[in-house]
Amino acid sequence: MQKSVQFKNGEWDVAAIVHFPPDFDDTKEHAAIVCVHPGSSVKEQTAGLYASKLAKGGFVALAFDASFQGESGGAPRYREDPATRVEDIRCAVDYLTTCSFVAVNRIGVLGVCAGGGYAASAAMIEKRIRAVGTVVATNASRAFGERNPLQELEKVAAQRTAEARGAEPLITPWIPETPEEARQAGITDMDTLEAVDYYRTPRGNHPGSDNKLRFTSMASMITFDAFNLADKLFTQPLLVIVGDRAGSFGSYRDGFDLYNKAASRKKNIHVVHGASHYDLYDQPKATGEAMDQLLRFYSENLWSSHR
């Protein structure tokens, strides 16, 4: 069972889907988990997959579209703003605290890919989040800062000047539009090719995920360190899940970086052997192993409805 809802981030509405446990009883309090999608994704894709599995495991789970993207409001469109992404998570927690069926001191978060970095960052300032799980988490500043950051920032500066003078906003694709386009471009990197396979083919494609990025967002992504101050402020229980078939997106090393930095007294990292970054988005074997770990983790650190 699921329900479409909206909550506010500032002046606009954020679109979300709440997934309910099979034995849901709205007269009782349930533990709840906010599920945070990757960059370029929407709530119906991998975040929604994990939310549905968490609900089957006894939790209320909420997946939402990031501000400026999908069915959520906010302008300008197609912006990927890390600070707003973090605030989206906090606003999702705000919403859950207004639900009579949610135990307000039993709220967790799960983030996938860039959503894992945003979830970690949110947890450092949002202590209503009591447990944090990440799946193939990536740190924006590391991931985007490896692409000749000074050159990219110069391009962003030039584009902002152009737009201030009346030019149309520059909207770029996150990834090639088709597998054929990727091959023609000579792309051989496993993560990029699997991203195209997940997002731009029937495997995982969703009309709300339109592969559009406002180019000027790059400045924020290059400079946003999702793990900054984790050694001081990240105190919640933490479970990091990575796959050991490591590609250029760097989630394997970012996962270990977060695990090593976090000040959490209770933390664990689980490696899904033989799994790539995108295997952990939707492939049954990899996501099944991840879910076994996540359900055990949240059951130990939150209060699930079936306990």
Protein backbone atom coordinates (compact mmCIF):
# COMPACT_ATOMS: atom_id res chain seq x y z
CA MET A 1 0.00 0.00 0.00
CA GLN A 2 1.26 3.46 -0.86
CA LYS A 3 0.02 7.05 -0.91
CA SER A 4 1.11 10.14 -2.82
CA VAL A 5 1.71 13.12 -0.52
CA GLN A 6 3.31 16.55 -0.61
CA PHE A 7 5.30 18.52 1.92
CA LYS A 8 6.83 21.97 1.88
CA ASN A 9 10.41 23.06 1.33
CA GLY A 10 10.22 26.82 1.63
CA GLU A 11 7.58 28.10 -0.77
CA TRP A 12 7.19 25.04 -3.00
CA ASP A 13 5.77 21.55 -2.66
CA VAL A 14 7.94 18.44 -2.66
CA ALA A 15 6.22 15.39 -4.17
CA ALA A 16 6.57 12.11 -2.29
CA ILE A 17 5.21 8.59 -2.02
CA VAL A 18 4.70 6.97 1.37
CA HIS A 19 5.00 3.18 1.39
CA PHE A 20 3.17 1.37 4.20
CA PRO A 21 3.81 -2.04 5.79
CA PRO A 22 1.39 -4.87 4.86
CA ASP A 23 -0.10 -4.86 8.38
CA PHE A 24 -0.22 -1.06 8.66
CA ASP A 25 -2.42 0.27 11.46
CA ASP A 26 -2.82 4.04 11.52
CA THR A 27 -3.74 3.97 15.21
CA LYS A 28 -0.25 2.76 16.11
CA GLU A 29 3.16 4.43 15.88
CA HIS A 30 5.63 3.05 13.36
CA ALA A 31 9.30 3.60 12.66
CA ALA A 32 9.84 5.53 9.44
CA ILE A 33 12.68 5.84 6.92
CA VAL A 34 13.28 8.66 4.43
CA CYS A 35 14.66 7.29 1.13
CA VAL A 36 16.83 9.68 -0.91
CA HIS A 37 17.32 9.16 -4.64
CA PRO A 38 20.51 9.57 -6.70
CA GLY A 39 21.28 12.58 -8.85
CA SER A 40 19.09 12.63 -12.01
CA SER A 41 16.71 10.09 -10.48
CA VAL A 42 13.13 10.25 -9.20
CA LYS A 43 11.18 8.65 -6.37
CA GLU A 44 9.79 5.83 -8.52
CA GLN A 45 13.23 4.47 -9.39
CA THR A 46 15.82 2.92 -7.04
CA ALA A 47 14.78 4.97 -3.98
CA GLY A 48 11.23 3.72 -4.49
CA LEU A 49 12.45 0.14 -4.87
CA TYR A 50 14.24 0.30 -1.53
CA ALA A 51 11.27 2.09 0.06
CA SER A 52 8.89 -0.66 -1.04
CA LYS A 53 11.20 -3.35 0.34
CA LEU A 54 11.60 -1.48 3.64
CA ALA A 55 7.82 -1.25 3.89
CA LYS A 56 7.51 -4.99 3.33
CA GLY A 57 9.99 -5.33 6.18
CA GLY A 58 7.70 -3.45 8.56
CA PHE A 59 8.68 0.21 8.18
CA VAL A 60 6.87 3.26 6.90
CA ALA A 61 9.11 4.50 4.06
CA LEU A 62 8.95 7.83 2.23
CA ALA A 63 10.60 8.47 -1.14
CA PHE A 64 10.47 11.94 -2.69
CA ASP A 65 11.53 13.88 -5.76
CA ALA A 66 14.27 16.43 -5.14
CA SER A 67 13.31 20.09 -5.33
CA PHE A 68 13.51 21.49 -8.89
CA GLN A 69 13.12 17.99 -10.32
CA GLY A 70 10.50 15.35 -11.10
CA GLU A 71 7.05 16.20 -9.76
CA SER A 72 8.40 18.53 -7.08
CA GLY A 73 8.22 22.30 -7.33
CA GLY A 74 10.94 24.89 -7.17
CA ALA A 75 12.68 27.07 -9.71
CA PRO A 76 14.82 27.16 -11.70
CA ARG A 77 14.11 23.68 -13.06
CA TYR A 78 16.72 20.92 -13.42
CA ARG A 79 18.88 22.41 -10.69
CA GLU A 80 20.96 20.02 -8.58
CA ASP A 81 21.69 22.01 -5.45
CA PRO A 82 23.31 20.04 -2.62
CA ALA A 83 22.21 22.44 0.13
CA THR A 84 18.59 22.23 -1.04
CA ARG A 85 18.87 18.45 -1.36
CA VAL A 86 19.92 18.28 2.27
CA GLU A 87 17.08 20.61 3.26
CA ASP A 88 14.64 18.36 1.34
CA ILE A 89 15.59 15.54 3.69
CA ARG A 90 15.05 17.70 6.76
CA CYS A 91 11.66 18.81 5.40
CA ALA A 92 10.76 15.15 4.84
CA VAL A 93 11.53 14.56 8.51
CA ASP A 94 9.38 17.57 9.37
CA TYR A 95 6.51 15.98 7.45
CA LEU A 96 6.88 12.61 9.15
CA THR A 97 6.76 14.24 12.59
CA THR A 98 3.27 15.52 11.71
CA CYS A 99 2.00 12.00 10.96
CA SER A 100 0.24 10.47 13.95
CA PHE A 101 1.31 6.99 12.84
CA VAL A 102 5.06 7.81 12.98
CA ALA A 103 7.12 7.50 16.15
CA VAL A 104 9.00 10.79 16.02
CA ASN A 105 12.05 9.41 17.84
CA ARG A 106 12.29 6.43 15.43
CA ILE A 107 13.07 8.09 12.09
CA GLY A 108 15.93 6.93 9.88
CA VAL A 109 17.29 7.75 6.45
CA LEU A 110 18.55 5.70 3.51
CA GLY A 111 20.39 7.31 0.60
CA VAL A 112 21.51 5.82 -2.72
CA CYS A 113 24.49 7.18 -4.72
CA ALA A 114 24.48 10.99 -4.41
CA GLY A 115 21.46 10.54 -2.14
CA GLY A 116 23.75 8.66 0.23
CA GLY A 117 26.09 11.64 0.43
CA TYR A 118 23.15 13.99 1.01
CA ALA A 119 21.74 11.65 3.67
CA ALA A 120 25.07 11.62 5.50
CA SER A 121 25.33 15.40 5.36
CA ALA A 122 21.75 15.83 6.60
CA ALA A 123 22.32 13.48 9.53
CA MET A 124 25.16 15.63 10.82
CA ILE A 125 22.83 18.57 11.44
CA GLU A 126 19.50 16.77 11.77
CA LYS A 127 19.54 14.80 15.00
CA ARG A 128 15.94 13.69 14.60
CA ILE A 129 17.50 11.19 12.19
CA ARG A 130 18.37 8.25 14.45
CA ALA A 131 19.98 5.80 12.01
CA VAL A 132 21.65 6.22 8.61
CA GLY A 133 21.99 3.66 5.83
CA THR A 134 23.77 4.32 2.54
CA VAL A 135 23.94 2.24 -0.64
CA VAL A 136 26.79 3.06 -3.07
CA ALA A 137 27.04 6.55 -1.52
CA THR A 138 29.01 9.15 -3.44
CA ASN A 139 30.48 12.42 -2.25
CA ALA A 140 29.65 15.23 -4.69
CA SER A 141 32.86 17.23 -4.28
CA ARG A 142 35.03 14.19 -4.88
CA ALA A 143 32.97 12.89 -7.80
CA PHE A 144 32.58 16.18 -9.67
CA GLY A 145 35.83 17.73 -8.46
CA GLU A 146 37.84 15.19 -10.44
CA ARG A 147 36.62 16.65 -13.74
CA ASN A 148 39.15 19.50 -14.01
CA PRO A 149 37.28 21.61 -11.46
CA LEU A 150 38.98 24.94 -12.21
CA GLN A 151 38.10 24.63 -15.88
CA GLU A 152 34.52 23.70 -15.03
CA LEU A 153 34.18 26.67 -12.68
CA GLU A 154 35.44 28.99 -15.41
CA LYS A 155 32.78 27.58 -17.73
CA VAL A 156 30.11 28.08 -15.07
CA ALA A 157 31.23 31.69 -14.59
CA ALA A 158 31.00 32.36 -18.32
CA GLN A 159 27.57 30.73 -18.52
CA ARG A 160 26.21 32.75 -15.60
CA THR A 161 27.40 35.94 -17.31
CA ALA A 162 25.73 34.86 -20.54
CA GLU A 163 22.46 34.07 -18.78
CA ALA A 164 22.56 37.35 -16.85
CA ARG A 165 22.78 39.08 -20.23
CA GLY A 166 19.75 37.26 -21.57
CA ALA A 167 21.04 33.94 -22.94
CA GLU A 168 18.96 30.81 -22.57
CA PRO A 169 19.91 28.58 -19.61
CA LEU A 170 22.30 25.81 -20.54
CA ILE A 171 20.64 22.45 -19.86
CA THR A 172 22.96 19.48 -20.35
CA PRO A 173 22.40 15.72 -20.13
CA TRP A 174 23.68 13.86 -17.10
CA ILE A 175 24.62 10.88 -19.27
CA PRO A 176 24.35 9.90 -22.96
CA GLU A 177 20.74 9.52 -24.10
CA THR A 178 21.12 6.01 -25.52
CA PRO A 179 23.53 3.06 -25.38
CA GLU A 180 24.28 3.71 -29.05
CA GLU A 181 25.25 7.31 -28.30
CA ALA A 182 27.55 6.13 -25.52
CA ARG A 183 29.25 3.63 -27.81
CA GLN A 184 29.64 6.20 -30.59
CA ALA A 185 31.28 8.55 -28.08
CA GLY A 186 33.83 5.86 -27.30
CA ILE A 187 32.73 5.49 -23.66
CA THR A 188 34.03 2.30 -22.08
CA ASP A 189 33.67 3.08 -18.36
CA MET A 190 31.52 0.48 -16.65
CA ASP A 191 29.63 2.89 -14.40
CA THR A 192 28.70 5.27 -17.21
CA LEU A 193 27.56 2.46 -19.50
CA GLU A 194 25.49 0.90 -16.71
CA ALA A 195 24.02 4.32 -15.89
CA VAL A 196 22.79 4.60 -19.48
CA ASP A 197 21.41 1.07 -19.29
CA TYR A 198 19.55 1.83 -16.06
CA TYR A 199 18.23 5.32 -16.79
CA ARG A 200 17.76 5.37 -20.56
CA THR A 201 16.35 1.90 -21.33
CA PRO A 202 13.20 0.12 -20.13
CA ARG A 203 15.24 -1.46 -17.32
CA GLY A 204 14.82 1.58 -15.06
CA ASN A 205 13.62 4.46 -17.22
CA HIS A 206 10.87 6.68 -15.83
CA PRO A 207 9.35 9.73 -17.59
CA GLY A 208 10.04 11.91 -14.56
CA SER A 209 13.77 11.23 -14.86
CA ASP A 210 14.47 13.28 -17.98
CA ASN A 211 18.28 13.39 -17.95
CA LYS A 212 18.45 17.19 -17.71
CA LEU A 213 20.91 19.16 -15.59
CA ARG A 214 21.16 22.93 -15.31
CA PHE A 215 24.84 23.39 -16.07
CA THR A 216 25.42 26.17 -13.56
CA SER A 217 24.64 23.62 -10.81
CA MET A 218 28.13 22.25 -11.36
CA ALA A 219 29.66 24.95 -9.15
CA SER A 220 27.71 23.78 -6.11
CA MET A 221 28.40 20.11 -6.76
CA ILE A 222 32.13 20.66 -7.18
CA THR A 223 32.41 22.49 -3.87
CA PHE A 224 29.97 20.46 -1.72
CA ASP A 225 31.81 18.01 0.56
CA ALA A 226 29.10 15.68 1.80
CA PHE A 227 31.38 14.19 4.46
CA ASN A 228 32.78 17.43 5.86
CA LEU A 229 32.85 17.34 9.69
CA ALA A 230 31.74 13.71 9.80
CA ASP A 231 34.55 13.06 12.25
CA LYS A 232 32.88 15.47 14.68
CA LEU A 233 29.16 15.59 13.90
CA PHE A 234 28.21 12.19 12.47
CA THR A 235 27.20 10.33 15.62
CA GLN A 236 24.22 8.17 14.61
CA PRO A 237 24.46 4.44 13.92
CA LEU A 238 25.70 3.97 10.37
CA LEU A 239 25.55 1.17 7.81
CA VAL A 240 27.48 1.66 4.56
CA ILE A 241 26.86 -0.75 1.66
CA VAL A 242 29.14 -0.87 -1.39
CA GLY A 243 29.80 -3.21 -4.29
CA ASP A 244 33.35 -4.35 -5.00
CA ARG A 245 33.13 -4.05 -8.79
CA ALA A 246 34.38 -0.49 -8.63
CA GLY A 247 33.95 1.93 -11.51
CA SER A 248 34.72 5.58 -12.12
CA PHE A 249 31.83 6.93 -10.04
CA GLY A 250 33.88 6.07 -6.95
CA SER A 251 31.20 4.79 -4.60
CA TYR A 252 33.44 2.01 -3.32
CA ARG A 253 36.12 4.41 -2.06
CA ASP A 254 33.55 7.00 -0.98
CA GLY A 255 31.80 4.38 1.11
CA PHE A 256 35.00 3.53 2.95
CA ASP A 257 35.77 7.23 3.30
CA LEU A 258 32.45 7.86 5.02
CA TYR A 259 32.85 4.78 7.21
CA ASN A 260 36.35 5.78 8.29
CA LYS A 261 35.45 9.42 8.94
CA ALA A 262 32.16 8.97 10.82
CA ALA A 263 32.34 9.59 14.56
CA SER A 264 29.60 6.99 15.10
CA ARG A 265 30.29 4.57 17.91
CA LYS A 266 28.15 2.02 16.10
CA LYS A 267 29.03 1.66 12.44
CA ASN A 268 29.54 -1.07 9.89
CA ILE A 269 30.44 -1.41 6.23
CA HIS A 270 29.16 -4.27 4.12
CA VAL A 271 30.68 -5.20 0.76
CA VAL A 272 28.41 -6.95 -1.75
CA HIS A 273 30.93 -9.07 -3.63
CA GLY A 274 30.59 -9.18 -7.39
CA ALA A 275 28.20 -6.22 -7.45
CA SER A 276 28.69 -3.02 -9.42
CA HIS A 277 27.32 0.42 -8.55
CA TYR A 278 24.20 -0.09 -10.65
CA ASP A 279 23.67 -3.72 -9.64
CA LEU A 280 22.80 -2.20 -6.26
CA TYR A 281 20.11 -0.05 -7.86
CA ASP A 282 17.79 -2.83 -8.94
CA GLN A 283 19.34 -6.24 -9.50
CA PRO A 284 17.61 -8.83 -7.27
CA LYS A 285 20.69 -10.64 -5.98
CA ALA A 286 22.62 -7.49 -5.06
CA THR A 287 19.66 -5.54 -3.68
CA GLY A 288 18.45 -8.62 -1.83
CA GLU A 289 21.77 -8.91 0.01
CA ALA A 290 21.73 -5.18 0.71
CA MET A 291 18.17 -5.35 2.05
CA ASP A 292 19.02 -8.19 4.42
CA GLN A 293 21.68 -5.97 5.96
CA LEU A 294 19.49 -2.85 5.98
CA LEU A 295 16.49 -4.53 7.58
CA ARG A 296 18.68 -5.97 10.33
CA PHE A 297 20.34 -2.59 10.85
CA TYR A 298 17.12 -0.58 11.06
CA SER A 299 15.43 -3.19 13.22
CA GLU A 300 18.29 -2.96 15.70
CA ASN A 301 18.43 0.84 15.71
CA LEU A 302 14.82 1.85 15.13
CA TRP A 303 11.58 0.42 16.35
CA SER A 304 9.84 -1.46 13.53
CA SER A 305 6.10 -1.92 13.42
CA HIS A 306 6.26 -5.71 13.60
CA ARG A 307 8.28 -5.82 16.83
